[in-house]
Amino acid sequence: MYGKGILKGLGVTLKHFVETYVDDFRRGRKRYGTREGVEYRSSKDVSGLFTVQYPEEQLIIPEEFRFVPFLVYDEGENGEREIRCTSCGICAKVCPPQCIWIHRSEDPKTGRPVPEPAEFYIDIDVCMNCGLCAEFCPFDAIIMDHDFELAVYDRHSNNIYDKEKLLKPASYYQKIRPRNYAAQEKIRQEKAAKKAARARK
């Protein structure tokens, strides 16, 4: 009332303005262009206003950040790829914008389905990055990526990702989401141990 709110808001703006320069003098050159400066500006303790000098500087991405999904494969002993996806189709069913298409592999002799996708497509222009596909996948085969720099000149030929473009190793998943990876691997090992125990009986 009577302009007190406007004055209060201007006071907050002035406080941030002053804190910015105080922090600049206190931290000197370390505040900009260094890993330490980026870590500080990514933290909750940052004071004042700041500008990230993108693309030279990038704020640290939190583990739970999600962008377009990718398919996980395990690396076998002889270097072969063991794709976790069994082409069950759950991800395509739960996808709200319906941007996932899967074509299941078939055994050429029997015509029966093989638990591996022959083709797997995601239209990343349509994907809304909700993460439901990763949440509902029973095999931990689809994970939300951290790569958000996807600008291209021709989106029609570049932004429909096929199976080869979507596949990334489990080591990459471990690097971008270490806590999630450790928790899922623990569950996978427990299930494998129970399965082995049942097989021995």
N, C-alpha and C. Protein backbone atom coordinates (compact mmCIF):
# COMPACT_ATOMS: atom_id res chain seq x y z
N MET A 1 0.84 -1.19 0.00
CA MET A 1 0.00 0.00 0.00
C MET A 1 0.88 1.24 0.00
N TYR A 2 0.47 2.28 -0.69
CA TYR A 2 1.17 3.56 -0.77
C TYR A 2 2.61 3.40 -1.31
N GLY A 3 2.85 2.43 -2.17
CA GLY A 3 4.15 2.29 -2.81
C GLY A 3 5.21 1.59 -1.99
N LYS A 4 4.84 1.06 -0.80
CA LYS A 4 5.84 0.37 0.05
C LYS A 4 6.36 -0.90 -0.64
N GLY A 5 5.47 -1.61 -1.33
CA GLY A 5 5.87 -2.84 -2.01
C GLY A 5 6.88 -2.57 -3.12
N ILE A 6 6.66 -1.47 -3.86
CA ILE A 6 7.59 -1.11 -4.94
C ILE A 6 8.96 -0.77 -4.35
N LEU A 7 8.96 0.02 -3.26
CA LEU A 7 10.23 0.38 -2.62
C LEU A 7 10.95 -0.83 -2.07
N LYS A 8 10.18 -1.77 -1.51
CA LYS A 8 10.77 -3.00 -0.97
C LYS A 8 11.42 -3.81 -2.09
N GLY A 9 10.70 -3.93 -3.23
CA GLY A 9 11.25 -4.66 -4.38
C GLY A 9 12.51 -4.00 -4.92
N LEU A 10 12.51 -2.67 -5.02
CA LEU A 10 13.69 -1.95 -5.48
C LEU A 10 14.86 -2.14 -4.52
N GLY A 11 14.53 -2.23 -3.22
CA GLY A 11 15.57 -2.46 -2.21
C GLY A 11 16.24 -3.82 -2.40
N VAL A 12 15.45 -4.83 -2.71
CA VAL A 12 15.99 -6.18 -2.96
C VAL A 12 16.90 -6.15 -4.19
N THR A 13 16.45 -5.47 -5.25
CA THR A 13 17.24 -5.35 -6.49
C THR A 13 18.56 -4.64 -6.21
N LEU A 14 18.50 -3.55 -5.44
CA LEU A 14 19.72 -2.79 -5.10
C LEU A 14 20.67 -3.65 -4.28
N LYS A 15 20.12 -4.44 -3.36
CA LYS A 15 20.95 -5.32 -2.51
C LYS A 15 21.71 -6.32 -3.38
N HIS A 16 21.00 -6.96 -4.34
CA HIS A 16 21.65 -7.92 -5.24
C HIS A 16 22.71 -7.23 -6.10
N PHE A 17 22.40 -6.02 -6.55
CA PHE A 17 23.32 -5.25 -7.39
C PHE A 17 24.63 -4.99 -6.64
N VAL A 18 24.53 -4.54 -5.39
CA VAL A 18 25.71 -4.24 -4.58
C VAL A 18 26.47 -5.53 -4.25
N GLU A 19 25.74 -6.59 -3.88
CA GLU A 19 26.38 -7.87 -3.53
C GLU A 19 27.18 -8.43 -4.69
N THR A 20 26.71 -8.20 -5.91
CA THR A 20 27.42 -8.69 -7.10
C THR A 20 28.81 -8.10 -7.16
N TYR A 21 28.92 -6.78 -6.99
CA TYR A 21 30.23 -6.13 -7.08
C TYR A 21 31.10 -6.46 -5.87
N VAL A 22 30.51 -6.59 -4.71
CA VAL A 22 31.27 -6.97 -3.51
C VAL A 22 31.87 -8.36 -3.72
N ASP A 23 31.06 -9.28 -4.25
CA ASP A 23 31.53 -10.64 -4.49
C ASP A 23 32.60 -10.67 -5.58
N ASP A 24 32.44 -9.81 -6.59
CA ASP A 24 33.46 -9.72 -7.65
C ASP A 24 34.81 -9.30 -7.07
N PHE A 25 34.81 -8.29 -6.19
CA PHE A 25 36.05 -7.82 -5.58
C PHE A 25 36.63 -8.88 -4.64
N ARG A 26 35.76 -9.59 -3.92
CA ARG A 26 36.22 -10.58 -2.96
C ARG A 26 36.86 -11.79 -3.66
N ARG A 27 36.24 -12.26 -4.75
CA ARG A 27 36.71 -13.47 -5.43
C ARG A 27 37.66 -13.19 -6.58
N GLY A 28 37.64 -11.97 -7.09
CA GLY A 28 38.57 -11.60 -8.15
C GLY A 28 38.36 -12.41 -9.43
N ARG A 29 39.45 -12.80 -10.07
CA ARG A 29 39.38 -13.51 -11.35
C ARG A 29 38.81 -14.92 -11.21
N LYS A 30 38.83 -15.47 -10.00
CA LYS A 30 38.35 -16.84 -9.80
C LYS A 30 36.84 -16.99 -10.02
N ARG A 31 36.13 -15.87 -9.98
CA ARG A 31 34.67 -15.95 -10.08
C ARG A 31 34.20 -16.30 -11.49
N TYR A 32 34.97 -15.91 -12.49
CA TYR A 32 34.56 -16.13 -13.88
C TYR A 32 35.63 -16.92 -14.63
N GLY A 33 35.17 -17.82 -15.49
CA GLY A 33 36.09 -18.54 -16.37
C GLY A 33 36.85 -19.68 -15.73
N THR A 34 36.51 -20.03 -14.48
CA THR A 34 37.18 -21.15 -13.82
C THR A 34 36.14 -22.17 -13.35
N ARG A 35 36.60 -23.39 -13.16
CA ARG A 35 35.72 -24.45 -12.67
C ARG A 35 35.20 -24.09 -11.27
N GLU A 36 36.09 -23.54 -10.46
CA GLU A 36 35.72 -23.12 -9.09
C GLU A 36 34.60 -22.08 -9.13
N GLY A 37 34.72 -21.12 -10.05
CA GLY A 37 33.70 -20.08 -10.18
C GLY A 37 32.36 -20.64 -10.62
N VAL A 38 32.40 -21.59 -11.55
CA VAL A 38 31.16 -22.22 -12.03
C VAL A 38 30.51 -23.01 -10.89
N GLU A 39 31.32 -23.75 -10.13
CA GLU A 39 30.79 -24.52 -8.99
C GLU A 39 30.15 -23.59 -7.96
N TYR A 40 30.81 -22.45 -7.72
CA TYR A 40 30.27 -21.48 -6.75
C TYR A 40 28.93 -20.93 -7.24
N ARG A 41 28.87 -20.56 -8.53
CA ARG A 41 27.64 -19.98 -9.07
C ARG A 41 26.54 -21.02 -9.24
N SER A 42 26.89 -22.31 -9.19
CA SER A 42 25.88 -23.37 -9.24
C SER A 42 25.33 -23.70 -7.86
N SER A 43 26.01 -23.21 -6.81
CA SER A 43 25.62 -23.56 -5.44
C SER A 43 24.52 -22.63 -4.92
N LYS A 44 23.97 -23.01 -3.76
CA LYS A 44 22.93 -22.20 -3.12
C LYS A 44 23.53 -21.00 -2.40
N ASP A 45 24.85 -21.01 -2.18
CA ASP A 45 25.50 -19.96 -1.41
C ASP A 45 25.85 -18.72 -2.23
N VAL A 46 25.57 -18.76 -3.55
CA VAL A 46 25.94 -17.64 -4.40
C VAL A 46 25.20 -16.37 -3.97
N SER A 47 25.90 -15.25 -3.98
CA SER A 47 25.27 -13.98 -3.61
C SER A 47 25.36 -13.02 -4.79
N GLY A 48 24.40 -12.12 -4.86
CA GLY A 48 24.38 -11.17 -5.95
C GLY A 48 23.86 -11.78 -7.24
N LEU A 49 23.98 -11.03 -8.30
CA LEU A 49 23.57 -11.48 -9.62
C LEU A 49 24.78 -12.03 -10.35
N PHE A 50 24.56 -12.88 -11.33
CA PHE A 50 25.69 -13.39 -12.10
C PHE A 50 25.21 -13.75 -13.50
N THR A 51 26.15 -13.79 -14.41
CA THR A 51 25.88 -14.20 -15.78
C THR A 51 26.81 -15.35 -16.10
N VAL A 52 26.26 -16.42 -16.62
CA VAL A 52 27.09 -17.54 -17.05
C VAL A 52 27.55 -17.24 -18.47
N GLN A 53 28.86 -17.30 -18.69
CA GLN A 53 29.43 -16.97 -20.00
C GLN A 53 29.32 -18.19 -20.93
N TYR A 54 28.07 -18.51 -21.29
CA TYR A 54 27.82 -19.68 -22.13
C TYR A 54 28.23 -19.36 -23.57
N PRO A 55 28.88 -20.24 -24.34
CA PRO A 55 29.15 -21.65 -24.05
C PRO A 55 30.50 -21.92 -23.40
N GLU A 56 31.31 -20.86 -23.18
CA GLU A 56 32.60 -21.08 -22.52
C GLU A 56 32.41 -21.65 -21.11
N GLU A 57 31.39 -21.19 -20.43
CA GLU A 57 31.07 -21.68 -19.08
C GLU A 57 29.69 -22.34 -19.12
N GLN A 58 29.54 -23.39 -18.34
CA GLN A 58 28.23 -24.03 -18.21
C GLN A 58 28.00 -24.38 -16.75
N LEU A 59 26.79 -24.10 -16.27
CA LEU A 59 26.46 -24.49 -14.90
C LEU A 59 26.49 -26.01 -14.78
N ILE A 60 26.82 -26.50 -13.61
CA ILE A 60 26.90 -27.94 -13.37
C ILE A 60 25.49 -28.52 -13.41
N ILE A 61 25.32 -29.55 -14.22
CA ILE A 61 24.00 -30.17 -14.39
C ILE A 61 23.74 -31.12 -13.23
N PRO A 62 22.61 -30.99 -12.53
CA PRO A 62 22.30 -31.94 -11.45
C PRO A 62 22.03 -33.33 -12.01
N GLU A 63 22.24 -34.34 -11.19
CA GLU A 63 22.09 -35.73 -11.64
C GLU A 63 20.69 -36.03 -12.16
N GLU A 64 19.68 -35.44 -11.56
CA GLU A 64 18.30 -35.74 -11.95
C GLU A 64 17.82 -34.91 -13.16
N PHE A 65 18.69 -34.09 -13.73
CA PHE A 65 18.33 -33.35 -14.95
C PHE A 65 17.99 -34.36 -16.04
N ARG A 66 16.95 -34.08 -16.80
CA ARG A 66 16.58 -35.04 -17.86
C ARG A 66 16.35 -34.31 -19.17
N PHE A 67 16.93 -34.92 -20.22
CA PHE A 67 16.64 -34.44 -21.57
C PHE A 67 16.26 -35.66 -22.38
N VAL A 68 16.56 -35.71 -23.65
CA VAL A 68 16.05 -36.82 -24.47
C VAL A 68 16.58 -38.17 -23.98
N PRO A 69 15.80 -39.24 -24.13
CA PRO A 69 16.24 -40.55 -23.64
C PRO A 69 17.28 -41.19 -24.55
N PHE A 70 18.00 -42.16 -24.00
CA PHE A 70 18.90 -42.99 -24.79
C PHE A 70 18.77 -44.44 -24.33
N LEU A 71 19.21 -45.36 -25.19
CA LEU A 71 19.15 -46.80 -24.89
C LEU A 71 20.48 -47.25 -24.31
N VAL A 72 20.42 -48.07 -23.27
CA VAL A 72 21.63 -48.55 -22.59
C VAL A 72 21.99 -49.93 -23.12
N TYR A 73 23.28 -50.13 -23.33
CA TYR A 73 23.77 -51.49 -23.62
C TYR A 73 24.94 -51.82 -22.70
N ASP A 74 25.05 -53.09 -22.33
CA ASP A 74 26.17 -53.57 -21.52
C ASP A 74 27.25 -54.09 -22.46
N GLU A 75 28.49 -53.85 -22.07
CA GLU A 75 29.62 -54.30 -22.89
C GLU A 75 30.03 -55.70 -22.45
N GLY A 76 29.94 -56.66 -23.37
CA GLY A 76 30.29 -58.05 -23.07
C GLY A 76 31.79 -58.25 -22.96
N GLU A 77 32.17 -59.48 -22.62
CA GLU A 77 33.59 -59.79 -22.42
C GLU A 77 34.40 -59.66 -23.71
N ASN A 78 33.79 -60.01 -24.84
CA ASN A 78 34.49 -59.94 -26.12
C ASN A 78 34.23 -58.63 -26.87
N GLY A 79 33.67 -57.65 -26.17
CA GLY A 79 33.42 -56.34 -26.78
C GLY A 79 32.08 -56.23 -27.49
N GLU A 80 31.27 -57.31 -27.44
CA GLU A 80 29.96 -57.24 -28.10
C GLU A 80 28.99 -56.44 -27.24
N ARG A 81 27.98 -55.87 -27.90
CA ARG A 81 26.98 -55.06 -27.20
C ARG A 81 25.79 -55.93 -26.82
N GLU A 82 25.46 -55.90 -25.54
CA GLU A 82 24.27 -56.61 -25.04
C GLU A 82 23.21 -55.56 -24.73
N ILE A 83 22.31 -55.35 -25.68
CA ILE A 83 21.28 -54.31 -25.54
C ILE A 83 20.27 -54.76 -24.48
N ARG A 84 20.01 -53.89 -23.52
CA ARG A 84 19.06 -54.23 -22.45
C ARG A 84 17.62 -54.26 -22.93
N CYS A 85 17.32 -53.48 -23.96
CA CYS A 85 15.93 -53.38 -24.45
C CYS A 85 15.46 -54.71 -25.01
N THR A 86 14.26 -55.13 -24.61
CA THR A 86 13.67 -56.38 -25.11
C THR A 86 12.53 -56.09 -26.08
N SER A 87 12.37 -54.85 -26.47
CA SER A 87 11.28 -54.39 -27.36
C SER A 87 9.91 -54.80 -26.85
N CYS A 88 9.71 -54.65 -25.53
CA CYS A 88 8.41 -54.99 -24.93
C CYS A 88 7.34 -53.96 -25.29
N GLY A 89 7.77 -52.73 -25.57
CA GLY A 89 6.83 -51.70 -26.02
C GLY A 89 6.19 -50.88 -24.92
N ILE A 90 6.57 -51.10 -23.66
CA ILE A 90 5.97 -50.35 -22.55
C ILE A 90 6.27 -48.86 -22.69
N CYS A 91 7.52 -48.52 -23.07
CA CYS A 91 7.90 -47.10 -23.20
C CYS A 91 7.04 -46.41 -24.25
N ALA A 92 6.78 -47.09 -25.36
CA ALA A 92 5.96 -46.50 -26.43
C ALA A 92 4.52 -46.32 -25.97
N LYS A 93 4.03 -47.25 -25.12
CA LYS A 93 2.64 -47.16 -24.65
C LYS A 93 2.44 -46.02 -23.67
N VAL A 94 3.43 -45.79 -22.79
CA VAL A 94 3.26 -44.75 -21.75
C VAL A 94 3.67 -43.37 -22.23
N CYS A 95 4.31 -43.27 -23.40
CA CYS A 95 4.80 -41.97 -23.89
C CYS A 95 3.63 -41.04 -24.21
N PRO A 96 3.48 -39.91 -23.48
CA PRO A 96 2.33 -39.01 -23.74
C PRO A 96 2.27 -38.45 -25.16
N PRO A 97 3.39 -37.97 -25.76
CA PRO A 97 3.27 -37.45 -27.13
C PRO A 97 3.42 -38.51 -28.22
N GLN A 98 3.61 -39.79 -27.81
CA GLN A 98 3.72 -40.90 -28.77
C GLN A 98 4.85 -40.66 -29.78
N CYS A 99 6.06 -40.42 -29.24
CA CYS A 99 7.20 -40.14 -30.12
C CYS A 99 8.15 -41.32 -30.25
N ILE A 100 7.80 -42.48 -29.68
CA ILE A 100 8.66 -43.67 -29.72
C ILE A 100 8.03 -44.71 -30.64
N TRP A 101 8.84 -45.24 -31.58
CA TRP A 101 8.39 -46.33 -32.45
C TRP A 101 9.37 -47.48 -32.32
N ILE A 102 8.84 -48.69 -32.13
CA ILE A 102 9.68 -49.88 -31.99
C ILE A 102 9.21 -50.95 -32.98
N HIS A 103 10.18 -51.57 -33.65
CA HIS A 103 9.89 -52.72 -34.50
C HIS A 103 10.65 -53.90 -33.92
N ARG A 104 9.94 -54.92 -33.50
CA ARG A 104 10.55 -56.07 -32.82
C ARG A 104 11.27 -56.99 -33.80
N SER A 105 12.40 -57.55 -33.35
CA SER A 105 13.12 -58.54 -34.17
C SER A 105 12.38 -59.86 -34.17
N GLU A 106 12.56 -60.60 -35.25
CA GLU A 106 11.96 -61.93 -35.36
C GLU A 106 13.01 -62.94 -35.79
N ASP A 107 12.89 -64.16 -35.28
CA ASP A 107 13.76 -65.24 -35.69
C ASP A 107 13.37 -65.63 -37.12
N PRO A 108 14.32 -65.56 -38.08
CA PRO A 108 13.95 -65.85 -39.47
C PRO A 108 13.50 -67.29 -39.70
N LYS A 109 13.94 -68.22 -38.85
CA LYS A 109 13.56 -69.63 -39.03
C LYS A 109 12.17 -69.93 -38.50
N THR A 110 11.90 -69.44 -37.27
CA THR A 110 10.62 -69.78 -36.63
C THR A 110 9.58 -68.67 -36.76
N GLY A 111 10.03 -67.44 -37.00
CA GLY A 111 9.10 -66.32 -37.07
C GLY A 111 8.68 -65.80 -35.71
N ARG A 112 9.27 -66.37 -34.66
CA ARG A 112 8.93 -65.92 -33.30
C ARG A 112 9.70 -64.65 -32.95
N PRO A 113 9.13 -63.82 -32.07
CA PRO A 113 9.83 -62.57 -31.69
C PRO A 113 11.10 -62.85 -30.89
N VAL A 114 12.11 -62.04 -31.15
CA VAL A 114 13.39 -62.10 -30.43
C VAL A 114 13.44 -60.90 -29.49
N PRO A 115 13.90 -61.10 -28.23
CA PRO A 115 13.90 -59.97 -27.27
C PRO A 115 14.99 -58.93 -27.55
N GLU A 116 14.91 -58.31 -28.71
CA GLU A 116 15.80 -57.20 -29.07
C GLU A 116 15.13 -56.43 -30.19
N PRO A 117 15.15 -55.10 -30.13
CA PRO A 117 14.48 -54.34 -31.20
C PRO A 117 15.25 -54.39 -32.52
N ALA A 118 14.54 -54.61 -33.61
CA ALA A 118 15.16 -54.51 -34.94
C ALA A 118 15.34 -53.03 -35.27
N GLU A 119 14.33 -52.24 -34.93
CA GLU A 119 14.39 -50.79 -35.14
C GLU A 119 13.80 -50.09 -33.92
N PHE A 120 14.37 -48.96 -33.58
CA PHE A 120 13.91 -48.18 -32.43
C PHE A 120 14.11 -46.72 -32.80
N TYR A 121 13.02 -45.95 -32.82
CA TYR A 121 13.10 -44.54 -33.22
C TYR A 121 12.48 -43.65 -32.14
N ILE A 122 13.11 -42.49 -31.92
CA ILE A 122 12.53 -41.45 -31.07
C ILE A 122 12.62 -40.12 -31.83
N ASP A 123 11.49 -39.46 -31.98
CA ASP A 123 11.46 -38.13 -32.59
C ASP A 123 11.71 -37.12 -31.48
N ILE A 124 12.93 -36.59 -31.42
CA ILE A 124 13.28 -35.71 -30.29
C ILE A 124 12.65 -34.33 -30.39
N ASP A 125 12.10 -33.99 -31.56
CA ASP A 125 11.35 -32.74 -31.67
C ASP A 125 10.00 -32.85 -30.97
N VAL A 126 9.47 -34.06 -30.92
CA VAL A 126 8.17 -34.29 -30.30
C VAL A 126 8.32 -34.62 -28.81
N CYS A 127 9.46 -35.25 -28.45
CA CYS A 127 9.70 -35.67 -27.06
C CYS A 127 9.60 -34.48 -26.11
N MET A 128 8.83 -34.65 -25.02
CA MET A 128 8.66 -33.58 -24.04
C MET A 128 9.52 -33.78 -22.79
N ASN A 129 10.46 -34.75 -22.85
CA ASN A 129 11.43 -34.97 -21.78
C ASN A 129 10.79 -35.25 -20.42
N CYS A 130 9.64 -35.92 -20.43
CA CYS A 130 8.93 -36.17 -19.17
C CYS A 130 9.58 -37.29 -18.35
N GLY A 131 10.27 -38.22 -19.01
CA GLY A 131 10.95 -39.31 -18.31
C GLY A 131 10.08 -40.51 -17.98
N LEU A 132 8.83 -40.54 -18.47
CA LEU A 132 7.96 -41.69 -18.18
C LEU A 132 8.48 -42.98 -18.79
N CYS A 133 9.10 -42.89 -19.98
CA CYS A 133 9.64 -44.08 -20.62
C CYS A 133 10.71 -44.72 -19.74
N ALA A 134 11.60 -43.91 -19.17
CA ALA A 134 12.66 -44.42 -18.30
C ALA A 134 12.09 -44.94 -16.99
N GLU A 135 11.06 -44.27 -16.48
CA GLU A 135 10.46 -44.66 -15.20
C GLU A 135 9.75 -46.02 -15.29
N PHE A 136 9.09 -46.27 -16.42
CA PHE A 136 8.30 -47.49 -16.55
C PHE A 136 9.08 -48.66 -17.13
N CYS A 137 10.26 -48.43 -17.68
CA CYS A 137 11.03 -49.53 -18.31
C CYS A 137 11.43 -50.56 -17.25
N PRO A 138 10.99 -51.82 -17.38
CA PRO A 138 11.30 -52.83 -16.36
C PRO A 138 12.74 -53.35 -16.44
N PHE A 139 13.48 -53.00 -17.49
CA PHE A 139 14.82 -53.55 -17.70
C PHE A 139 15.91 -52.48 -17.56
N ASP A 140 15.55 -51.27 -17.13
CA ASP A 140 16.51 -50.15 -17.04
C ASP A 140 17.24 -49.95 -18.36
N ALA A 141 16.51 -50.10 -19.45
CA ALA A 141 17.11 -50.04 -20.78
C ALA A 141 17.05 -48.65 -21.39
N ILE A 142 16.20 -47.80 -20.86
CA ILE A 142 16.06 -46.44 -21.42
C ILE A 142 16.25 -45.43 -20.28
N ILE A 143 17.15 -44.49 -20.49
CA ILE A 143 17.56 -43.54 -19.45
C ILE A 143 17.51 -42.14 -20.05
N MET A 144 17.20 -41.15 -19.21
CA MET A 144 17.18 -39.76 -19.67
C MET A 144 18.61 -39.20 -19.68
N ASP A 145 18.95 -38.58 -20.79
CA ASP A 145 20.31 -38.07 -21.01
C ASP A 145 20.49 -36.68 -20.42
N HIS A 146 21.75 -36.23 -20.36
CA HIS A 146 22.08 -34.87 -19.92
C HIS A 146 22.44 -33.97 -21.10
N ASP A 147 22.54 -34.51 -22.29
CA ASP A 147 22.98 -33.75 -23.46
C ASP A 147 21.84 -32.90 -23.99
N PHE A 148 21.94 -31.58 -23.80
CA PHE A 148 20.87 -30.68 -24.24
C PHE A 148 21.28 -29.83 -25.44
N GLU A 149 22.51 -29.94 -25.89
CA GLU A 149 22.99 -29.13 -27.02
C GLU A 149 22.73 -29.89 -28.32
N LEU A 150 21.51 -29.79 -28.81
CA LEU A 150 21.08 -30.61 -29.94
C LEU A 150 20.68 -29.77 -31.16
N ALA A 151 21.14 -28.54 -31.23
CA ALA A 151 20.76 -27.67 -32.35
C ALA A 151 21.35 -28.20 -33.66
N VAL A 152 20.51 -28.25 -34.68
CA VAL A 152 20.94 -28.70 -36.01
C VAL A 152 20.33 -27.79 -37.07
N TYR A 153 20.88 -27.83 -38.27
CA TYR A 153 20.36 -27.03 -39.37
C TYR A 153 19.15 -27.69 -40.02
N ASP A 154 19.16 -29.02 -40.09
CA ASP A 154 18.07 -29.74 -40.74
C ASP A 154 17.45 -30.72 -39.74
N ARG A 155 16.39 -30.31 -39.09
CA ARG A 155 15.80 -31.15 -38.05
C ARG A 155 15.09 -32.38 -38.61
N HIS A 156 14.62 -32.31 -39.85
CA HIS A 156 13.88 -33.44 -40.42
C HIS A 156 14.78 -34.66 -40.63
N SER A 157 16.03 -34.42 -40.99
CA SER A 157 16.93 -35.55 -41.23
C SER A 157 17.77 -35.90 -39.99
N ASN A 158 17.88 -34.98 -39.03
CA ASN A 158 18.77 -35.21 -37.87
C ASN A 158 18.04 -35.51 -36.56
N ASN A 159 16.79 -35.11 -36.43
CA ASN A 159 16.13 -35.19 -35.12
C ASN A 159 15.20 -36.39 -34.94
N ILE A 160 15.25 -37.34 -35.85
CA ILE A 160 14.60 -38.62 -35.58
C ILE A 160 15.73 -39.61 -35.34
N TYR A 161 15.95 -39.93 -34.07
CA TYR A 161 17.07 -40.78 -33.67
C TYR A 161 16.73 -42.24 -33.89
N ASP A 162 17.63 -42.97 -34.57
CA ASP A 162 17.43 -44.41 -34.76
C ASP A 162 18.17 -45.17 -33.65
N LYS A 163 18.13 -46.48 -33.73
CA LYS A 163 18.70 -47.31 -32.67
C LYS A 163 20.19 -47.04 -32.47
N GLU A 164 20.93 -46.92 -33.57
CA GLU A 164 22.37 -46.70 -33.47
C GLU A 164 22.70 -45.36 -32.81
N LYS A 165 21.91 -44.35 -33.09
CA LYS A 165 22.15 -43.02 -32.51
C LYS A 165 21.74 -42.99 -31.03
N LEU A 166 20.77 -43.82 -30.66
CA LEU A 166 20.27 -43.84 -29.28
C LEU A 166 21.13 -44.68 -28.34
N LEU A 167 21.85 -45.67 -28.88
CA LEU A 167 22.61 -46.59 -28.04
C LEU A 167 23.82 -45.93 -27.40
N LYS A 168 23.94 -46.09 -26.08
CA LYS A 168 25.11 -45.61 -25.33
C LYS A 168 25.45 -46.66 -24.28
N PRO A 169 26.75 -46.82 -23.95
CA PRO A 169 27.14 -47.87 -23.00
C PRO A 169 26.72 -47.57 -21.57
N ALA A 170 26.66 -48.62 -20.77
CA ALA A 170 26.31 -48.48 -19.35
C ALA A 170 27.34 -47.62 -18.62
N SER A 171 28.59 -47.60 -19.12
CA SER A 171 29.63 -46.77 -18.50
C SER A 171 29.29 -45.28 -18.62
N TYR A 172 28.65 -44.89 -19.73
CA TYR A 172 28.22 -43.50 -19.90
C TYR A 172 27.11 -43.17 -18.90
N TYR A 173 26.18 -44.11 -18.74
CA TYR A 173 25.10 -43.94 -17.76
C TYR A 173 25.68 -43.79 -16.36
N GLN A 174 26.67 -44.60 -16.04
CA GLN A 174 27.31 -44.54 -14.72
C GLN A 174 27.98 -43.18 -14.51
N LYS A 175 28.54 -42.61 -15.58
CA LYS A 175 29.24 -41.33 -15.48
C LYS A 175 28.27 -40.18 -15.21
N ILE A 176 27.12 -40.15 -15.90
CA ILE A 176 26.22 -39.00 -15.75
C ILE A 176 25.26 -39.13 -14.57
N ARG A 177 24.97 -40.39 -14.15
CA ARG A 177 24.04 -40.61 -13.04
C ARG A 177 24.60 -41.65 -12.08
N PRO A 178 25.68 -41.34 -11.35
CA PRO A 178 26.34 -42.35 -10.52
C PRO A 178 25.46 -42.94 -9.42
N ARG A 179 24.66 -42.12 -8.75
CA ARG A 179 23.82 -42.64 -7.65
C ARG A 179 22.72 -43.56 -8.18
N ASN A 180 22.06 -43.12 -9.25
CA ASN A 180 21.00 -43.94 -9.85
C ASN A 180 21.56 -45.26 -10.37
N TYR A 181 22.73 -45.19 -11.02
CA TYR A 181 23.35 -46.39 -11.57
C TYR A 181 23.67 -47.39 -10.46
N ALA A 182 24.26 -46.89 -9.36
CA ALA A 182 24.63 -47.77 -8.25
C ALA A 182 23.39 -48.44 -7.65
N ALA A 183 22.31 -47.68 -7.48
CA ALA A 183 21.07 -48.25 -6.91
C ALA A 183 20.47 -49.30 -7.84
N GLN A 184 20.45 -49.02 -9.14
CA GLN A 184 19.87 -49.97 -10.09
C GLN A 184 20.73 -51.22 -10.23
N GLU A 185 22.06 -51.05 -10.19
CA GLU A 185 22.95 -52.21 -10.29
C GLU A 185 22.80 -53.12 -9.08
N LYS A 186 22.59 -52.54 -7.92
CA LYS A 186 22.38 -53.33 -6.70
C LYS A 186 21.13 -54.19 -6.84
N ILE A 187 20.05 -53.59 -7.34
CA ILE A 187 18.79 -54.32 -7.54
C ILE A 187 18.98 -55.42 -8.59
N ARG A 188 19.68 -55.10 -9.69
CA ARG A 188 19.93 -56.08 -10.75
C ARG A 188 20.73 -57.27 -10.24
N GLN A 189 21.74 -57.00 -9.39
CA GLN A 189 22.56 -58.08 -8.85
C GLN A 189 21.77 -58.96 -7.89
N GLU A 190 20.90 -58.32 -7.08
CA GLU A 190 20.05 -59.10 -6.18
C GLU A 190 19.11 -60.02 -6.95
N LYS A 191 18.51 -59.50 -8.04
CA LYS A 191 17.62 -60.31 -8.87
C LYS A 191 18.37 -61.46 -9.53
N ALA A 192 19.60 -61.17 -10.01
CA ALA A 192 20.42 -62.21 -10.65
C ALA A 192 20.80 -63.30 -9.65
N ALA A 193 21.11 -62.88 -8.41
CA ALA A 193 21.46 -63.87 -7.37
C ALA A 193 20.27 -64.75 -7.03
N LYS A 194 19.06 -64.16 -6.93
CA LYS A 194 17.85 -64.95 -6.65
C LYS A 194 17.55 -65.93 -7.77
N LYS A 195 17.75 -65.46 -9.02
CA LYS A 195 17.50 -66.32 -10.18
C LYS A 195 18.47 -67.49 -10.20
N ALA A 196 19.74 -67.20 -9.88
CA ALA A 196 20.76 -68.27 -9.84
C ALA A 196 20.46 -69.26 -8.73
N ALA A 197 19.98 -68.75 -7.58
CA ALA A 197 19.64 -69.63 -6.44
C ALA A 197 18.46 -70.54 -6.80
N ARG A 198 17.48 -69.99 -7.52
CA ARG A 198 16.33 -70.80 -7.94
C ARG A 198 16.75 -71.88 -8.95
N ALA A 199 17.71 -71.54 -9.81
CA ALA A 199 18.18 -72.48 -10.83
C ALA A 199 18.96 -73.65 -10.19
N ARG A 200 19.64 -73.37 -9.06
CA ARG A 200 20.40 -74.42 -8.39
C ARG A 200 19.53 -75.42 -7.66
N LYS A 201 18.30 -75.00 -7.29
CA LYS A 201 17.40 -75.87 -6.51
C LYS A 201 16.82 -77.00 -7.33
